[in-house]
Amino acid sequence: MHAFILADLLSGFGINLLAFLSQLVSFVIVFLILWRWGFPVIRRTLERRQAVIREGIENAEQAKRDLAEATTRAEEVLKEARLQAQATIEHATRLAEQEAVRIQEDAHARAAQIEQQQIARIQQEAARARAELSRLVVNLSIDAAGKVISKSVNTADNRRLVQEFVNASEIKE
């Protein structure tokens, strides 16, 4: 009697009891087959997939750490390169300053040498002018002495000749 009431209730919902029981038995058989052979395979596949995903995440984290480390090393290398470049610039600046000082010293030495050469040339010209002046004075003296000697010597003539000699030498100077 209970079976008929259940059957009437289920048929009110549009469910066939015999078909429902047969589907329930079929479901249990399929479930047991899957439980025995299907689910372990699916579980292993899921575990392998989970391991692959976990390994991928670990690799990504390792890559992230490696990238951070590489970035740090790159920054250190750049910093060292900047320091070396600065040191090279400072060294080149010091060398350039030393070269500038050397060039200035060479220029001063060359100018002093040229100055000494010019002083020597001026002294030679002055000596030559003195020698020429001495030669002229000697010639004038000889000319004056010759004139004094060639004339008869008297005091008035001597004075006049010496005065002419002095006047002539003043004009030539």
C-alpha atoms as a PDB file:
ATOM      1  CA  MET A   1       0.000   0.000   0.000  1.00  0.00           C
ATOM      2  CA  HIS A   2       2.796   2.386   0.732  1.00  0.00           C
ATOM      3  CA  ALA A   3       4.291   1.586  -2.617  1.00  0.00           C
ATOM      4  CA  PHE A   4       1.055   2.599  -4.334  1.00  0.00           C
ATOM      5  CA  ILE A   5       0.818   5.855  -2.426  1.00  0.00           C
ATOM      6  CA  LEU A   6       4.421   6.616  -3.312  1.00  0.00           C
ATOM      7  CA  ALA A   7       3.724   5.641  -6.903  1.00  0.00           C
ATOM      8  CA  ASP A   8       0.632   7.899  -7.015  1.00  0.00           C
ATOM      9  CA  LEU A   9       2.607  10.769  -5.431  1.00  0.00           C
ATOM     10  CA  LEU A  10       5.492  10.354  -7.852  1.00  0.00           C
ATOM     11  CA  SER A  11       3.158  10.041 -10.853  1.00  0.00           C
ATOM     12  CA  GLY A  12       1.597  13.352  -9.714  1.00  0.00           C
ATOM     13  CA  PHE A  13       5.014  14.913 -10.230  1.00  0.00           C
ATOM     14  CA  GLY A  14       5.359  13.115 -13.572  1.00  0.00           C
ATOM     15  CA  ILE A  15       7.893  10.575 -12.327  1.00  0.00           C
ATOM     16  CA  ASN A  16       7.623   6.859 -13.239  1.00  0.00           C
ATOM     17  CA  LEU A  17       8.706   4.827 -10.192  1.00  0.00           C
ATOM     18  CA  LEU A  18       9.954   1.833 -12.150  1.00  0.00           C
ATOM     19  CA  ALA A  19      11.985   4.028 -14.482  1.00  0.00           C
ATOM     20  CA  PHE A  20      13.294   5.987 -11.513  1.00  0.00           C
ATOM     21  CA  LEU A  21      14.459   2.788  -9.749  1.00  0.00           C
ATOM     22  CA  SER A  22      16.070   1.456 -12.865  1.00  0.00           C
ATOM     23  CA  GLN A  23      17.907   4.790 -13.381  1.00  0.00           C
ATOM     24  CA  LEU A  24      18.947   4.791  -9.735  1.00  0.00           C
ATOM     25  CA  VAL A  25      20.446   1.274 -10.066  1.00  0.00           C
ATOM     26  CA  SER A  26      22.177   2.296 -13.282  1.00  0.00           C
ATOM     27  CA  PHE A  27      23.555   5.402 -11.559  1.00  0.00           C
ATOM     28  CA  VAL A  28      24.893   3.363  -8.629  1.00  0.00           C
ATOM     29  CA  ILE A  29      26.561   0.856 -11.002  1.00  0.00           C
ATOM     30  CA  VAL A  30      28.161   3.688 -13.051  1.00  0.00           C
ATOM     31  CA  PHE A  31      29.185   5.438  -9.840  1.00  0.00           C
ATOM     32  CA  LEU A  32      30.841   2.279  -8.488  1.00  0.00           C
ATOM     33  CA  ILE A  33      32.667   1.676 -11.789  1.00  0.00           C
ATOM     34  CA  LEU A  34      33.851   5.285 -11.816  1.00  0.00           C
ATOM     35  CA  TRP A  35      34.775   5.051  -8.107  1.00  0.00           C
ATOM     36  CA  ARG A  36      36.892   2.000  -8.761  1.00  0.00           C
ATOM     37  CA  TRP A  37      38.597   2.900 -12.060  1.00  0.00           C
ATOM     38  CA  GLY A  38      37.629   6.395 -13.249  1.00  0.00           C
ATOM     39  CA  PHE A  39      38.103   8.595 -10.196  1.00  0.00           C
ATOM     40  CA  PRO A  40      41.641   7.369  -9.416  1.00  0.00           C
ATOM     41  CA  VAL A  41      42.690   8.202 -12.986  1.00  0.00           C
ATOM     42  CA  ILE A  42      40.984  11.586 -12.773  1.00  0.00           C
ATOM     43  CA  ARG A  43      42.530  12.213  -9.323  1.00  0.00           C
ATOM     44  CA  ARG A  44      46.032  11.316 -10.605  1.00  0.00           C
ATOM     45  CA  THR A  45      45.521  13.572 -13.624  1.00  0.00           C
ATOM     46  CA  LEU A  46      44.382  16.392 -11.365  1.00  0.00           C
ATOM     47  CA  GLU A  47      47.314  15.820  -8.996  1.00  0.00           C
ATOM     48  CA  ARG A  48      49.763  15.885 -11.930  1.00  0.00           C
ATOM     49  CA  ARG A  49      48.088  19.039 -13.210  1.00  0.00           C
ATOM     50  CA  GLN A  50      48.260  20.545  -9.725  1.00  0.00           C
ATOM     51  CA  ALA A  51      51.985  19.611  -9.503  1.00  0.00           C
ATOM     52  CA  VAL A  52      52.631  21.195 -12.905  1.00  0.00           C
ATOM     53  CA  ILE A  53      50.807  24.367 -11.840  1.00  0.00           C
ATOM     54  CA  ARG A  54      52.648  24.404  -8.482  1.00  0.00           C
ATOM     55  CA  GLU A  55      55.981  23.958 -10.315  1.00  0.00           C
ATOM     56  CA  GLY A  56      55.032  26.757 -12.702  1.00  0.00           C
ATOM     57  CA  ILE A  57      54.232  29.056  -9.781  1.00  0.00           C
ATOM     58  CA  GLU A  58      57.512  28.139  -8.058  1.00  0.00           C
ATOM     59  CA  ASN A  59      59.403  28.752 -11.309  1.00  0.00           C
ATOM     60  CA  ALA A  60      57.664  32.098 -11.712  1.00  0.00           C
ATOM     61  CA  GLU A  61      58.567  33.056  -8.138  1.00  0.00           C
ATOM     62  CA  GLN A  62      62.166  31.918  -8.716  1.00  0.00           C
ATOM     63  CA  ALA A  63      62.250  33.931 -11.956  1.00  0.00           C
ATOM     64  CA  LYS A  64      60.909  36.923 -10.057  1.00  0.00           C
ATOM     65  CA  ARG A  65      63.643  36.554  -7.422  1.00  0.00           C
ATOM     66  CA  ASP A  66      66.263  36.074 -10.149  1.00  0.00           C
ATOM     67  CA  LEU A  67      65.008  39.186 -11.921  1.00  0.00           C
ATOM     68  CA  ALA A  68      65.199  41.193  -8.714  1.00  0.00           C
ATOM     69  CA  GLU A  69      68.729  39.894  -8.102  1.00  0.00           C
ATOM     70  CA  ALA A  70      69.748  40.637 -11.696  1.00  0.00           C
ATOM     71  CA  THR A  71      68.288  44.130 -11.394  1.00  0.00           C
ATOM     72  CA  THR A  72      70.272  44.692  -8.209  1.00  0.00           C
ATOM     73  CA  ARG A  73      73.461  43.430  -9.871  1.00  0.00           C
ATOM     74  CA  ALA A  74      72.794  45.606 -12.930  1.00  0.00           C
ATOM     75  CA  GLU A  75      72.356  48.645 -10.689  1.00  0.00           C
ATOM     76  CA  GLU A  76      75.618  47.807  -8.910  1.00  0.00           C
ATOM     77  CA  VAL A  77      77.404  47.421 -12.251  1.00  0.00           C
ATOM     78  CA  LEU A  78      75.974  50.746 -13.438  1.00  0.00           C
ATOM     79  CA  LYS A  79      77.014  52.412 -10.196  1.00  0.00           C
ATOM     80  CA  GLU A  80      80.535  50.987 -10.538  1.00  0.00           C
ATOM     81  CA  ALA A  81      80.649  52.071 -14.183  1.00  0.00           C
ATOM     82  CA  ARG A  82      79.588  55.593 -13.182  1.00  0.00           C
ATOM     83  CA  LEU A  83      82.280  55.687 -10.502  1.00  0.00           C
ATOM     84  CA  GLN A  84      84.896  54.470 -12.973  1.00  0.00           C
ATOM     85  CA  ALA A  85      83.735  57.001 -15.550  1.00  0.00           C
ATOM     86  CA  GLN A  86      83.952  59.775 -12.956  1.00  0.00           C
ATOM     87  CA  ALA A  87      87.436  58.616 -11.947  1.00  0.00           C
ATOM     88  CA  THR A  88      88.476  58.523 -15.606  1.00  0.00           C
ATOM     89  CA  ILE A  89      87.126  62.032 -16.146  1.00  0.00           C
ATOM     90  CA  GLU A  90      88.939  63.306 -13.058  1.00  0.00           C
ATOM     91  CA  HIS A  91      92.160  61.622 -14.187  1.00  0.00           C
ATOM     92  CA  ALA A  92      91.807  63.086 -17.689  1.00  0.00           C
ATOM     93  CA  THR A  93      91.127  66.511 -16.174  1.00  0.00           C
ATOM     94  CA  ARG A  94      94.251  66.269 -14.012  1.00  0.00           C
ATOM     95  CA  LEU A  95      96.309  65.192 -17.029  1.00  0.00           C
ATOM     96  CA  ALA A  96      94.876  68.047 -19.094  1.00  0.00           C
ATOM     97  CA  GLU A  97      95.684  70.531 -16.332  1.00  0.00           C
ATOM     98  CA  GLN A  98      99.213  69.146 -16.047  1.00  0.00           C
ATOM     99  CA  GLU A  99      99.597  69.373 -19.829  1.00  0.00           C
ATOM    100  CA  ALA A 100      98.310  72.959 -19.767  1.00  0.00           C
ATOM    101  CA  VAL A 101     100.829  73.845 -17.055  1.00  0.00           C
ATOM    102  CA  ARG A 102     103.594  72.152 -19.057  1.00  0.00           C
ATOM    103  CA  ILE A 103     102.592  74.037 -22.208  1.00  0.00           C
ATOM    104  CA  GLN A 104     102.546  77.322 -20.282  1.00  0.00           C
ATOM    105  CA  GLU A 105     105.962  76.576 -18.810  1.00  0.00           C
ATOM    106  CA  ASP A 106     107.272  75.712 -22.278  1.00  0.00           C
ATOM    107  CA  ALA A 107     105.780  78.942 -23.635  1.00  0.00           C
ATOM    108  CA  HIS A 108     107.358  80.961 -20.822  1.00  0.00           C
ATOM    109  CA  ALA A 109     110.691  79.234 -21.380  1.00  0.00           C
ATOM    110  CA  ARG A 110     110.433  79.861 -25.142  1.00  0.00           C
ATOM    111  CA  ALA A 111     109.497  83.505 -24.510  1.00  0.00           C
ATOM    112  CA  ALA A 112     112.446  83.865 -22.117  1.00  0.00           C
ATOM    113  CA  GLN A 113     114.707  82.265 -24.716  1.00  0.00           C
ATOM    114  CA  ILE A 114     113.421  84.637 -27.426  1.00  0.00           C
ATOM    115  CA  GLU A 115     113.823  87.556 -25.021  1.00  0.00           C
ATOM    116  CA  GLN A 116     117.424  86.504 -24.322  1.00  0.00           C
ATOM    117  CA  GLN A 117     118.054  86.187 -28.054  1.00  0.00           C
ATOM    118  CA  GLN A 118     116.587  89.653 -28.664  1.00  0.00           C
ATOM    119  CA  ILE A 119     118.650  91.108 -25.795  1.00  0.00           C
ATOM    120  CA  ALA A 120     121.760  89.479 -27.269  1.00  0.00           C
ATOM    121  CA  ARG A 121     120.895  90.826 -30.728  1.00  0.00           C
ATOM    122  CA  ILE A 122     120.314  94.318 -29.298  1.00  0.00           C
ATOM    123  CA  GLN A 123     123.605  94.112 -27.414  1.00  0.00           C
ATOM    124  CA  GLN A 124     125.346  93.038 -30.634  1.00  0.00           C
ATOM    125  CA  GLU A 125     123.756  95.952 -32.506  1.00  0.00           C
ATOM    126  CA  ALA A 126     124.768  98.326 -29.704  1.00  0.00           C
ATOM    127  CA  ALA A 127     128.323  96.942 -29.767  1.00  0.00           C
ATOM    128  CA  ARG A 128     128.396  97.303 -33.545  1.00  0.00           C
ATOM    129  CA  ALA A 129     127.088 100.890 -33.250  1.00  0.00           C
ATOM    130  CA  ARG A 130     129.733 101.657 -30.593  1.00  0.00           C
ATOM    131  CA  ALA A 131     132.399 100.125 -32.794  1.00  0.00           C
ATOM    132  CA  GLU A 132     131.164 102.189 -35.750  1.00  0.00           C
ATOM    133  CA  LEU A 133     131.058 105.298 -33.568  1.00  0.00           C
ATOM    134  CA  SER A 134     134.569 104.582 -32.298  1.00  0.00           C
ATOM    135  CA  ARG A 135     135.772 104.078 -35.860  1.00  0.00           C
ATOM    136  CA  LEU A 136     134.200 107.391 -36.875  1.00  0.00           C
ATOM    137  CA  VAL A 137     135.723 109.170 -33.859  1.00  0.00           C
ATOM    138  CA  VAL A 138     139.102 107.674 -34.665  1.00  0.00           C
ATOM    139  CA  ASN A 139     138.779 108.703 -38.324  1.00  0.00           C
ATOM    140  CA  LEU A 140     137.729 112.178 -37.307  1.00  0.00           C
ATOM    141  CA  SER A 141     140.591 112.357 -34.856  1.00  0.00           C
ATOM    142  CA  ILE A 142     142.995 111.240 -37.529  1.00  0.00           C
ATOM    143  CA  ASP A 143     141.537 113.740 -39.977  1.00  0.00           C
ATOM    144  CA  ALA A 144     141.755 116.505 -37.391  1.00  0.00           C
ATOM    145  CA  ALA A 145     145.293 115.528 -36.422  1.00  0.00           C
ATOM    146  CA  GLY A 146     146.249 115.430 -40.096  1.00  0.00           C
ATOM    147  CA  LYS A 147     144.863 118.904 -40.628  1.00  0.00           C
ATOM    148  CA  VAL A 148     146.620 120.181 -37.516  1.00  0.00           C
ATOM    149  CA  ILE A 149     149.909 118.626 -38.553  1.00  0.00           C
ATOM    150  CA  SER A 150     149.735 119.695 -42.174  1.00  0.00           C
ATOM    151  CA  LYS A 151     149.377 123.386 -41.274  1.00  0.00           C
ATOM    152  CA  SER A 152     151.893 125.291 -39.463  1.00  0.00           C
ATOM    153  CA  VAL A 153     151.111 125.071 -35.907  1.00  0.00           C
ATOM    154  CA  ASN A 154     150.222 128.159 -33.971  1.00  0.00           C
ATOM    155  CA  THR A 155     148.007 128.592 -31.031  1.00  0.00           C
ATOM    156  CA  ALA A 156     145.141 130.324 -32.752  1.00  0.00           C
ATOM    157  CA  ASP A 157     145.043 127.735 -35.519  1.00  0.00           C
ATOM    158  CA  ASN A 158     145.113 124.886 -32.978  1.00  0.00           C
ATOM    159  CA  ARG A 159     142.202 126.334 -31.107  1.00  0.00           C
ATOM    160  CA  ARG A 160     140.221 126.910 -34.246  1.00  0.00           C
ATOM    161  CA  LEU A 161     140.902 123.349 -35.512  1.00  0.00           C
ATOM    162  CA  VAL A 162     139.937 121.756 -32.183  1.00  0.00           C
ATOM    163  CA  GLN A 163     136.768 123.861 -32.146  1.00  0.00           C
ATOM    164  CA  GLU A 164     135.913 122.699 -35.684  1.00  0.00           C
ATOM    165  CA  PHE A 165     136.616 119.107 -34.685  1.00  0.00           C
ATOM    166  CA  VAL A 166     134.328 119.363 -31.656  1.00  0.00           C
ATOM    167  CA  ASN A 167     131.617 121.028 -33.718  1.00  0.00           C
ATOM    168  CA  ALA A 168     131.915 118.380 -36.432  1.00  0.00           C
ATOM    169  CA  SER A 169     131.709 115.514 -33.947  1.00  0.00           C
ATOM    170  CA  GLU A 170     128.613 117.087 -32.275  1.00  0.00           C
ATOM    171  CA  ILE A 171     126.859 117.407 -35.619  1.00  0.00           C
ATOM    172  CA  LYS A 172     127.548 113.749 -36.515  1.00  0.00           C
ATOM    173  CA  GLU A 173     126.298 112.466 -33.210  1.00  0.00           C
END
